[in-house]
Protein backbone atom coordinates (compact mmCIF):
# COMPACT_ATOMS: atom_id res chain seq x y z
CA MET A 1 -139.13 205.65 152.31
CA SER A 2 -140.06 208.61 150.17
CA LEU A 3 -139.67 212.17 151.44
CA ALA A 4 -143.44 212.70 151.46
CA ARG A 5 -143.98 209.54 153.49
CA CYS A 6 -141.13 210.48 155.83
CA LYS A 7 -142.72 213.90 156.47
CA ALA A 8 -146.11 212.27 157.10
CA GLU A 9 -144.91 209.49 159.42
CA ILE A 10 -141.84 210.76 161.29
CA SER A 11 -141.59 213.79 163.54
CA SER A 12 -138.60 216.11 163.22
CA ARG A 13 -137.51 214.99 166.69
CA GLU A 14 -137.51 211.31 165.68
CA LEU A 15 -135.70 212.10 162.42
CA ALA A 16 -133.03 214.03 164.36
CA HIS A 17 -132.69 211.03 166.69
CA TRP A 18 -132.14 208.62 163.76
CA MET A 19 -129.66 211.02 162.13
CA ALA A 20 -127.67 211.27 165.37
CA LEU A 21 -127.71 207.50 165.77
CA ASP A 22 -126.47 207.08 162.20
CA ARG A 23 -123.54 209.42 162.93
CA ILE A 24 -122.58 207.41 166.01
CA ASP A 25 -123.15 203.91 164.59
CA PRO A 26 -123.85 203.94 160.84
CA PHE A 27 -126.06 201.27 159.37
CA THR A 28 -123.80 200.03 156.62
CA ILE A 29 -123.34 196.91 154.54
CA ASP A 30 -120.49 195.94 156.87
CA ARG A 31 -122.80 195.93 159.84
CA THR A 32 -125.39 193.87 157.98
CA GLU A 33 -122.72 191.36 157.01
CA LEU A 34 -121.62 191.11 160.66
CA ILE A 35 -125.18 190.43 161.79
CA LEU A 36 -125.57 187.73 159.13
CA ALA A 37 -122.19 186.21 160.02
CA ARG A 38 -123.23 185.97 163.68
CA PHE A 39 -126.44 184.29 162.61
CA MET A 40 -124.55 181.81 160.42
CA ALA A 41 -122.18 180.99 163.28
CA LEU A 42 -125.16 180.37 165.54
CA ILE A 43 -126.75 178.01 163.01
CA SER A 44 -123.45 176.25 162.38
CA ASN A 45 -122.89 175.71 166.09
CA MET A 46 -126.42 174.38 166.51
CA MET A 47 -125.97 171.93 163.63
CA THR A 48 -122.57 170.53 164.63
CA LYS A 49 -121.59 168.70 167.75
CA GLY A 50 -119.27 170.87 169.82
CA GLY A 51 -119.48 173.65 167.24
CA LYS A 52 -117.04 176.48 167.79
CA ALA A 53 -117.74 178.68 164.78
CA THR A 54 -117.46 182.44 165.18
CA ALA A 55 -118.74 185.30 163.03
CA ALA A 56 -115.20 185.76 161.69
CA ASP A 57 -115.46 182.34 160.07
CA PHE A 58 -118.25 183.64 157.84
CA LEU A 59 -116.91 187.10 156.98
CA GLN A 60 -115.27 187.23 153.59
CA PHE A 61 -113.21 190.38 153.91
CA THR A 62 -111.63 190.21 157.33
CA GLU A 63 -107.98 189.61 157.95
CA LYS A 64 -107.12 186.85 160.36
CA PRO A 65 -104.98 187.92 163.32
CA ALA A 66 -101.29 187.47 162.64
CA LYS A 67 -99.51 184.69 164.47
CA PRO A 68 -96.50 185.61 166.64
CA ASP A 69 -94.11 184.29 163.92
CA ASN A 70 -95.70 186.59 161.39
CA LEU A 71 -95.43 189.56 163.75
CA ALA A 72 -91.71 189.03 164.21
CA ARG A 73 -91.27 188.71 160.44
CA ALA A 74 -93.31 191.85 159.83
CA GLU A 75 -91.15 193.75 162.32
CA GLN A 76 -88.00 192.60 160.50
CA LEU A 77 -89.42 193.72 157.17
CA PHE A 78 -90.45 197.07 158.62
CA LYS A 79 -87.00 197.66 160.09
CA GLY A 80 -85.52 196.74 156.73
CA LEU A 81 -87.43 199.63 155.19
CA PHE A 82 -85.45 202.01 157.36
CA HIS A 83 -82.18 200.07 157.20
CA GLY A 84 -82.37 199.10 160.86
CA SER A 85 -82.58 202.64 162.24
CA ASP A 86 -85.08 203.56 164.94
């Protein structure tokens, strides 16, 4: 929306409200991708029998939670950085 249109259509009170909302919960690409991923999971689950897809299945840049084996290995590697000292 242009500045002129914004001034014509939105009160200063409403603009302040949107600015405050953006500070609390920004509307970013990440959020848009999450919304689309949830939608894709919904469609996938509707199209497959017993579908168990989640939004995480459709997000490209999320890390999967580490398995317990990986956590233990990561702890060993981290301790190795400090030569076993606490």
